[in-house]
Amino acid sequence: MTVTDRIALDPFGSDIAAESARLRALGPVVPVELPGAIPAWAPTGYDTLKTLILDPRVSKDARRHWRLWPELDAHPSWGWMANWVGVTNMLTTYGTDHTRLRRLVAPSFTHRRTEAMRPRVAALTAELLDALQAAGADGGVVDLRDGLAHPLPMRMICELLGVPDALRPGAARLIADFMNTSDPSPEFAASVRERVGSVLGALIEYRRTRPGDDITTELIRVRDEDGDRLSDEELLHTLLLVVGAGFETTVNLIGNAVVALLADPGQLASVRAGEIGWDAVVDETLRVHPSIAALPLRFAVEDLTVGDVTIPAGDAIITTYAASGLDPARYGPDAAVFDAARAAEDHLAFGVGVHRCVGAPLARLEALTALPALFSRFPGLRLARAADELRHVPSCIAHGWQEIPVRLGN
């Protein structure tokens, strides 16, 4: 196929597995059209994606390396993408700039600091399960996303960042809309962009006048004491990244694992019996149902050859984590089947190399606390609606459910 035959990705992410399979049948890297008619290339397999992520000739800096960067303003429907690639944080920087920004955030997510959070994660999980039990005491339907999968990581990341209670609902709505790719209108993109400044600007002002033992206060201190290490814009956009990556991805990790297990009673029984460990459940969820299906954008610094296809210098590449985890060449003909017994730990859901997610240990801790506690507390837990009737979040980036209606069976 030629670049004139671009495949339009579903902006609602309605069936990411089927879409990945269709793209894979066309070759190792396929010309696609992102929401708003943005041209890009999509790797369709594990090895291709990993190779491109690790290739130093692939950049994350749109200003320096995206051929179409100067045309953003001429395409109103590209505003949502401008919100992603026009910010300045670890997600959009290349080389030494990426290293500098990562070093500012990484110390807050070391193994030691993550382990120190374990008692708080356990206590918050118990509190949320108590509330769920009370809400479902009459045998009615409760929303597991709203009652556990969302508030656990949201409250944890807000505590780490020092987000006051009054700003938390606005921060949650901001991230949900940031992930939403179903509305390419310039008005929606402008609203999101405005709230990045207002919500996170309010957080910065709050912690500037009320410093605490939190990440925001530390980043403000770095900005104020050494502006060469962190500018005002980088401070704002780094907070955006930490808030979004720090809770939205774990919301989907917990929710996707619950749905996968409840849809397969036999596999759930093996987990309950101890035949399959919770670590394996988390890794299989990240492989088959990664919290982030695809992430914009990376850019070819020079012409790149993938098989018999050349990605021209300056073209955009979307990192297709869902497609990589479902690759039969890597995981066999049943790659699309959720089977925690396969213990596949080599997935790319958290990234790889210098771009591996710094918050991955915290996400695992939260999931490995919440999941066994949930299924232990509610042995009769079951979906109140068939898994194939659940509504996907309106995004080709985030991969999760808008709600998870369950009956607790208690």
Protein backbone atom coordinates (compact mmCIF):
# COMPACT_ATOMS: atom_id res chain seq x y z
CA MET A 1 0.00 0.00 0.00
CA THR A 2 1.07 3.62 -0.45
CA VAL A 3 0.89 6.55 1.93
CA THR A 4 -2.16 7.71 -0.01
CA ASP A 5 -3.96 4.62 1.32
CA ARG A 6 -3.74 5.59 4.97
CA ILE A 7 -5.90 3.61 7.39
CA ALA A 8 -8.00 5.84 9.65
CA LEU A 9 -7.75 4.77 13.28
CA ASP A 10 -10.96 4.58 15.27
CA PRO A 11 -11.02 7.72 17.48
CA PHE A 12 -13.22 5.88 19.99
CA GLY A 13 -10.90 2.88 20.32
CA SER A 14 -13.93 0.60 20.09
CA ASP A 15 -12.05 -2.60 19.18
CA ILE A 16 -8.32 -2.06 19.44
CA ALA A 17 -7.46 -5.77 19.15
CA ALA A 18 -9.31 -6.15 15.85
CA GLU A 19 -7.87 -2.90 14.54
CA SER A 20 -4.35 -4.05 15.44
CA ALA A 21 -4.88 -7.34 13.60
CA ARG A 22 -6.09 -5.55 10.47
CA LEU A 23 -3.05 -3.29 10.46
CA ARG A 24 -0.66 -6.18 11.11
CA ALA A 25 -1.96 -7.99 8.03
CA LEU A 26 -0.76 -5.03 5.94
CA GLY A 27 2.86 -5.15 7.05
CA PRO A 28 5.32 -4.32 9.85
CA VAL A 29 4.68 -0.58 9.65
CA VAL A 30 1.57 0.94 8.11
CA PRO A 31 0.60 4.50 7.10
CA VAL A 32 -2.34 5.56 9.26
CA GLU A 33 -4.48 8.59 9.88
CA LEU A 34 -4.97 9.68 13.47
CA PRO A 35 -8.13 11.50 14.64
CA GLY A 36 -8.37 14.86 12.94
CA ALA A 37 -6.72 13.44 9.77
CA ILE A 38 -3.17 13.55 11.13
CA PRO A 39 -0.78 11.39 9.06
CA ALA A 40 1.51 8.97 10.90
CA TRP A 41 3.11 5.53 10.74
CA ALA A 42 1.98 2.66 12.97
CA PRO A 43 4.32 -0.23 13.84
CA THR A 44 2.22 -3.39 13.97
CA GLY A 45 4.45 -5.86 15.81
CA TYR A 46 6.56 -6.27 18.91
CA ASP A 47 10.02 -6.32 17.35
CA THR A 48 9.33 -3.35 15.06
CA LEU A 49 7.99 -1.19 17.88
CA LYS A 50 10.82 -2.07 20.27
CA THR A 51 13.44 -1.39 17.61
CA LEU A 52 11.95 2.01 16.80
CA ILE A 53 11.63 3.02 20.47
CA LEU A 54 15.30 2.20 21.07
CA ASP A 55 16.56 3.75 17.83
CA PRO A 56 18.41 7.02 18.55
CA ARG A 57 17.24 8.23 15.13
CA VAL A 58 13.69 8.36 16.48
CA SER A 59 12.91 11.55 18.40
CA LYS A 60 10.07 12.68 20.68
CA ASP A 61 10.63 16.39 19.96
CA ALA A 62 7.97 17.70 17.53
CA ARG A 63 9.45 21.18 17.33
CA ARG A 64 12.79 19.86 16.11
CA HIS A 65 11.83 16.80 14.12
CA TRP A 66 8.19 16.78 12.94
CA ARG A 67 7.98 17.97 9.38
CA LEU A 68 4.38 19.10 9.90
CA TRP A 69 4.96 21.04 13.11
CA PRO A 70 4.84 24.41 11.28
CA GLU A 71 1.42 23.43 9.86
CA LEU A 72 -0.36 22.82 13.18
CA ASP A 73 -2.14 26.16 13.23
CA ALA A 74 -3.40 25.60 9.69
CA HIS A 75 -5.30 22.47 10.75
CA PRO A 76 -7.88 23.24 13.47
CA SER A 77 -8.67 19.53 13.90
CA TRP A 78 -5.05 18.91 14.95
CA GLY A 79 -5.47 20.92 18.14
CA TRP A 80 -5.77 17.84 20.33
CA MET A 81 -2.42 16.62 19.04
CA ALA A 82 -0.88 20.04 19.67
CA ASN A 83 -1.84 19.53 23.32
CA TRP A 84 0.19 16.30 23.34
CA VAL A 85 3.28 17.22 21.35
CA GLY A 86 3.34 20.96 22.07
CA VAL A 87 4.07 20.55 25.76
CA THR A 88 7.58 20.27 27.22
CA ASN A 89 8.15 17.30 29.51
CA MET A 90 9.70 13.83 29.45
CA LEU A 91 7.14 12.68 26.90
CA THR A 92 8.13 15.25 24.30
CA THR A 93 11.86 15.79 24.75
CA TYR A 94 14.84 14.16 23.11
CA GLY A 95 18.42 13.48 24.14
CA THR A 96 19.88 15.59 26.94
CA ASP A 97 16.63 17.47 27.57
CA HIS A 98 14.83 14.20 28.23
CA THR A 99 17.61 13.05 30.58
CA ARG A 100 17.50 16.33 32.51
CA LEU A 101 13.75 16.26 33.06
CA ARG A 102 13.67 12.56 33.92
CA ARG A 103 16.32 13.05 36.61
CA LEU A 104 14.10 15.61 38.33
CA VAL A 105 11.14 13.22 38.65
CA ALA A 106 12.74 9.78 38.96
CA PRO A 107 13.91 10.15 42.61
CA SER A 108 10.27 10.35 43.72
CA PHE A 109 9.59 6.88 42.31
CA THR A 110 12.57 4.85 43.45
CA HIS A 111 12.04 1.31 44.76
CA ARG A 112 12.65 2.51 48.33
CA ARG A 113 10.14 5.33 48.11
CA THR A 114 7.58 3.12 46.42
CA GLU A 115 7.91 0.49 49.14
CA ALA A 116 7.40 3.18 51.75
CA MET A 117 3.98 3.85 50.18
CA ARG A 118 2.83 0.24 50.63
CA PRO A 119 1.05 0.79 53.99
CA ARG A 120 -0.80 3.83 52.64
CA VAL A 121 -1.88 1.96 49.49
CA ALA A 122 -3.14 -0.94 51.62
CA ALA A 123 -5.03 1.37 53.99
CA LEU A 124 -6.65 3.31 51.17
CA THR A 125 -7.61 0.07 49.41
CA ALA A 126 -9.30 -1.22 52.57
CA GLU A 127 -11.15 2.08 52.97
CA LEU A 128 -12.44 1.96 49.40
CA LEU A 129 -13.49 -1.69 49.71
CA ASP A 130 -15.41 -0.85 52.88
CA ALA A 131 -17.27 1.86 50.98
CA LEU A 132 -17.96 -0.51 48.08
CA GLN A 133 -19.32 -3.13 50.47
CA ALA A 134 -21.66 -0.61 52.03
CA ALA A 135 -22.84 0.61 48.62
CA GLY A 136 -23.55 -2.91 47.41
CA ALA A 137 -24.98 -4.28 50.64
CA ASP A 138 -28.46 -4.62 49.16
CA GLY A 139 -27.17 -6.74 46.29
CA GLY A 140 -27.45 -3.90 43.80
CA VAL A 141 -25.03 -2.93 41.07
CA VAL A 142 -21.96 -0.85 41.92
CA ASP A 143 -19.41 0.69 39.59
CA LEU A 144 -16.01 -0.80 40.35
CA ARG A 145 -14.24 1.83 38.30
CA ASP A 146 -15.80 4.64 40.25
CA GLY A 147 -15.47 2.85 43.59
CA LEU A 148 -11.93 1.41 43.41
CA ALA A 149 -10.01 1.48 40.13
CA HIS A 150 -10.21 5.28 39.76
CA PRO A 151 -10.01 6.67 43.32
CA LEU A 152 -7.09 4.52 44.50
CA PRO A 153 -4.45 5.74 42.02
CA MET A 154 -6.02 9.19 41.84
CA ARG A 155 -5.76 9.76 45.56
CA MET A 156 -2.26 8.31 45.72
CA ILE A 157 -0.87 10.52 42.97
CA CYS A 158 -2.62 13.57 44.42
CA GLU A 159 -1.02 12.88 47.81
CA LEU A 160 2.39 12.50 46.17
CA LEU A 161 1.94 15.78 44.28
CA GLY A 162 0.35 17.63 47.16
CA VAL A 163 -2.87 18.35 45.25
CA PRO A 164 -5.44 19.88 47.64
CA ASP A 165 -8.91 18.35 47.77
CA ALA A 166 -10.52 21.29 45.99
CA LEU A 167 -8.38 20.79 42.86
CA ARG A 168 -8.71 17.01 42.58
CA PRO A 169 -12.02 16.81 40.65
CA GLY A 170 -10.76 19.34 38.13
CA ALA A 171 -7.50 17.44 37.69
CA ALA A 172 -9.40 14.19 37.11
CA ARG A 173 -11.65 15.78 34.48
CA LEU A 174 -8.65 17.40 32.79
CA ILE A 175 -6.85 14.08 32.35
CA ALA A 176 -10.00 12.31 31.12
CA ASP A 177 -10.50 15.00 28.48
CA PHE A 178 -6.81 15.04 27.60
CA MET A 179 -7.07 11.32 26.76
CA ASN A 180 -10.30 11.77 24.79
CA THR A 181 -9.59 11.53 21.05
CA SER A 182 -13.23 11.35 19.93
CA ASP A 183 -13.69 15.12 19.58
CA PRO A 184 -11.16 16.78 17.24
CA SER A 185 -12.92 20.15 17.40
CA PRO A 186 -10.70 23.15 18.05
CA GLU A 187 -13.07 24.27 20.83
CA PHE A 188 -12.55 21.05 22.77
CA ALA A 189 -8.78 21.19 22.33
CA ALA A 190 -8.72 24.83 23.45
CA SER A 191 -10.74 23.96 26.55
CA VAL A 192 -8.27 21.25 27.50
CA ARG A 193 -5.32 23.54 26.88
CA GLU A 194 -6.86 26.31 29.00
CA ARG A 195 -7.47 23.94 31.89
CA VAL A 196 -3.88 22.68 31.82
CA GLY A 197 -2.90 26.22 32.70
CA SER A 198 -5.71 26.96 35.15
CA VAL A 199 -5.86 23.69 37.11
CA LEU A 200 -2.14 22.99 37.29
CA GLY A 201 -1.33 26.67 37.60
CA ALA A 202 -3.57 26.75 40.66
CA LEU A 203 -1.67 23.76 42.07
CA ILE A 204 1.66 25.52 41.56
CA GLU A 205 0.38 28.68 43.23
CA TYR A 206 -1.08 26.67 46.13
CA ARG A 207 2.20 24.88 46.81
CA ARG A 208 4.26 28.01 46.24
CA THR A 209 2.49 29.63 49.18
CA ARG A 210 2.01 26.41 51.18
CA PRO A 211 5.10 24.25 50.58
CA GLY A 212 4.94 20.66 51.74
CA ASP A 213 6.69 17.30 51.47
CA ASP A 214 5.52 16.56 47.94
CA ILE A 215 6.70 16.45 44.33
CA THR A 216 5.16 19.78 43.35
CA THR A 217 6.95 21.64 46.13
CA GLU A 218 10.25 20.02 45.15
CA LEU A 219 9.85 20.94 41.49
CA ILE A 220 8.96 24.53 42.43
CA ARG A 221 12.12 24.67 44.52
CA VAL A 222 14.22 23.44 41.59
CA ARG A 223 12.61 26.00 39.29
CA ASP A 224 13.15 28.86 41.72
CA GLU A 225 16.71 27.94 42.69
CA ASP A 226 18.00 26.81 39.32
CA GLY A 227 15.92 27.97 36.36
CA ASP A 228 18.41 26.36 33.99
CA ARG A 229 17.20 22.94 35.19
CA LEU A 230 13.46 23.62 35.03
CA SER A 231 11.60 26.45 33.34
CA ASP A 232 8.07 27.65 34.17
CA GLU A 233 6.70 25.83 31.13
CA GLU A 234 8.55 22.62 31.98
CA LEU A 235 7.25 22.75 35.54
CA LEU A 236 3.64 23.05 34.38
CA HIS A 237 3.94 20.34 31.74
CA THR A 238 5.89 17.96 33.97
CA LEU A 239 3.04 18.13 36.49
CA LEU A 240 0.60 17.37 33.66
CA LEU A 241 2.57 14.26 32.75
CA VAL A 242 2.96 13.02 36.33
CA VAL A 243 -0.73 13.50 37.11
CA GLY A 244 -1.86 11.77 33.92
CA ALA A 245 0.64 8.93 33.86
CA GLY A 246 0.43 8.57 37.63
CA PHE A 247 -3.23 7.66 37.83
CA GLU A 248 -5.03 7.22 34.51
CA THR A 249 -2.86 4.30 33.46
CA THR A 250 -3.35 2.50 36.79
CA VAL A 251 -7.11 3.07 36.64
CA ASN A 252 -7.14 1.05 33.43
CA LEU A 253 -4.67 -1.55 34.68
CA ILE A 254 -6.88 -2.40 37.66
CA GLY A 255 -10.11 -2.18 35.69
CA ASN A 256 -8.86 -4.23 32.74
CA ALA A 257 -7.55 -6.97 35.04
CA VAL A 258 -10.88 -7.20 36.86
CA VAL A 259 -12.88 -7.46 33.64
CA ALA A 260 -10.50 -10.04 32.14
CA LEU A 261 -10.74 -12.29 35.20
CA LEU A 262 -14.49 -11.96 35.66
CA ALA A 263 -14.97 -12.82 31.99
CA ASP A 264 -13.03 -16.07 32.49
CA PRO A 265 -14.26 -17.92 35.61
CA GLY A 266 -11.92 -20.85 35.03
CA GLN A 267 -8.86 -18.65 34.99
CA LEU A 268 -10.11 -16.73 38.00
CA ALA A 269 -10.47 -20.03 39.86
CA SER A 270 -6.83 -20.84 39.08
CA VAL A 271 -5.79 -17.47 40.45
CA ARG A 272 -7.86 -17.95 43.59
CA ALA A 273 -6.33 -21.40 44.07
CA GLY A 274 -2.83 -19.97 43.88
CA GLU A 275 -2.00 -21.79 40.66
CA ILE A 276 -1.45 -18.44 38.92
CA GLY A 277 0.15 -15.54 40.78
CA TRP A 278 -1.10 -11.97 40.85
CA ASP A 279 2.15 -10.76 39.29
CA ALA A 280 1.33 -12.92 36.27
CA VAL A 281 -2.19 -11.48 36.14
CA VAL A 282 -0.82 -7.94 36.09
CA ASP A 283 1.72 -8.72 33.37
CA GLU A 284 -0.85 -10.49 31.19
CA THR A 285 -3.22 -7.56 31.60
CA LEU A 286 -0.47 -5.18 30.52
CA ARG A 287 0.28 -7.38 27.51
CA VAL A 288 -3.25 -8.06 26.23
CA HIS A 289 -5.06 -5.00 27.59
CA PRO A 290 -2.38 -2.32 28.12
CA SER A 291 -3.57 0.84 29.84
CA ILE A 292 -2.17 2.88 26.96
CA ALA A 293 -2.99 1.38 23.56
CA ALA A 294 -0.91 3.87 21.59
CA LEU A 295 0.99 7.00 22.48
CA PRO A 296 1.67 10.06 20.32
CA LEU A 297 4.13 10.83 18.87
CA ARG A 298 7.69 10.07 17.79
CA PHE A 299 9.49 11.34 14.71
CA ALA A 300 12.01 10.01 12.24
CA VAL A 301 15.16 12.13 12.52
CA GLU A 302 16.34 10.64 9.22
CA ASP A 303 14.94 8.17 6.70
CA LEU A 304 14.23 4.84 8.43
CA THR A 305 13.87 1.51 6.67
CA VAL A 306 11.45 -1.02 8.16
CA GLY A 307 11.24 -4.14 6.02
CA ASP A 308 10.56 -2.87 2.51
CA VAL A 309 9.06 0.41 3.77
CA THR A 310 10.87 3.71 4.26
CA ILE A 311 9.62 6.15 6.88
CA PRO A 312 10.79 9.53 5.57
CA ALA A 313 12.69 11.90 7.83
CA GLY A 314 10.27 14.21 9.62
CA ASP A 315 7.32 11.81 9.55
CA ALA A 316 5.40 10.98 12.72
CA ILE A 317 5.27 7.52 14.34
CA ILE A 318 2.72 6.40 16.90
CA THR A 319 3.91 3.92 19.53
CA THR A 320 1.46 1.02 19.32
CA TYR A 321 1.73 -0.81 22.65
CA ALA A 322 -1.51 -2.74 22.19
CA ALA A 323 -0.47 -4.08 18.80
CA SER A 324 2.92 -5.16 20.13
CA GLY A 325 1.38 -7.17 22.95
CA LEU A 326 -0.96 -8.99 20.57
CA ASP A 327 1.73 -9.92 18.05
CA PRO A 328 1.51 -13.64 17.13
CA ALA A 329 5.12 -13.58 15.97
CA ARG A 330 6.11 -12.87 19.56
CA TYR A 331 3.43 -14.60 21.62
CA GLY A 332 2.11 -17.34 19.37
CA PRO A 333 -1.15 -17.89 17.47
CA ASP A 334 -3.21 -17.33 20.65
CA ALA A 335 -1.57 -13.98 21.37
CA ALA A 336 -4.94 -12.25 21.62
CA VAL A 337 -6.10 -14.63 24.37
CA PHE A 338 -5.78 -13.48 27.99
CA ASP A 339 -3.87 -16.33 29.67
CA ALA A 340 -1.99 -15.32 32.79
CA ALA A 341 -0.39 -18.77 32.96
CA ARG A 342 1.89 -17.81 30.05
CA ALA A 343 3.74 -15.42 32.44
CA ALA A 344 4.83 -13.05 29.68
CA GLU A 345 6.97 -10.43 31.41
CA ASP A 346 8.52 -9.01 28.24
CA HIS A 347 5.63 -6.73 27.26
CA LEU A 348 6.33 -3.11 26.31
CA ALA A 349 3.37 -1.57 28.15
CA PHE A 350 5.63 0.47 30.44
CA GLY A 351 8.00 1.37 27.63
CA VAL A 352 11.59 0.23 27.31
CA GLY A 353 15.10 1.60 27.80
CA VAL A 354 15.51 5.22 28.87
CA HIS A 355 11.83 5.82 28.12
CA ARG A 356 10.52 3.19 30.54
CA CYS A 357 7.83 4.70 32.78
CA VAL A 358 9.34 5.93 36.05
CA GLY A 359 6.04 5.27 37.82
CA ALA A 360 5.82 1.60 36.79
CA PRO A 361 6.73 0.27 40.28
CA LEU A 362 3.98 2.35 41.90
CA ALA A 363 1.41 1.21 39.33
CA ARG A 364 2.33 -2.42 40.02
CA LEU A 365 2.17 -1.86 43.77
CA GLU A 366 -1.32 -0.38 43.54
CA ALA A 367 -2.60 -3.14 41.26
CA LEU A 368 -0.97 -5.91 43.31
CA THR A 369 -2.58 -4.49 46.43
CA ALA A 370 -6.04 -3.77 45.06
CA LEU A 371 -6.66 -6.91 43.01
CA PRO A 372 -6.06 -9.63 45.63
CA ALA A 373 -7.81 -7.55 48.28
CA LEU A 374 -10.85 -7.09 46.04
CA PHE A 375 -11.23 -10.73 45.10
CA SER A 376 -10.58 -11.86 48.67
CA ARG A 377 -13.19 -9.50 50.10
CA PHE A 378 -15.83 -10.43 47.50
CA PRO A 379 -15.55 -14.09 46.48
CA GLY A 380 -18.91 -13.84 44.70
CA LEU A 381 -17.91 -10.80 42.63
CA ARG A 382 -19.36 -10.88 39.11
CA LEU A 383 -19.99 -8.56 36.19
CA ALA A 384 -23.49 -7.09 36.05
CA ARG A 385 -23.20 -6.77 32.26
CA ALA A 386 -21.46 -8.96 29.68
CA ALA A 387 -17.85 -7.91 29.07
CA ASP A 388 -18.54 -7.29 25.38
CA GLU A 389 -21.28 -4.82 26.34
CA LEU A 390 -19.00 -2.53 28.36
CA ARG A 391 -18.25 0.92 26.93
CA HIS A 392 -14.66 1.70 26.02
CA VAL A 393 -13.32 5.09 27.06
CA PRO A 394 -13.56 7.39 23.99
CA SER A 395 -9.92 7.22 23.04
CA CYS A 396 -7.44 5.53 20.73
CA ILE A 397 -4.79 6.32 23.34
CA ALA A 398 -6.22 5.15 26.67
CA HIS A 399 -7.42 1.55 26.81
CA GLY A 400 -10.06 0.93 29.46
CA TRP A 401 -13.73 1.05 30.41
CA GLN A 402 -16.01 3.98 31.14
CA GLU A 403 -17.65 2.00 33.92
CA ILE A 404 -17.41 -1.53 35.34
CA PRO A 405 -20.82 -2.50 36.74
CA VAL A 406 -20.56 -5.43 39.17
CA ARG A 407 -22.51 -7.25 41.84
CA LEU A 408 -20.41 -7.97 44.89
CA GLY A 409 -22.16 -11.20 45.81
CA ASN A 410 -21.82 -10.51 49.53
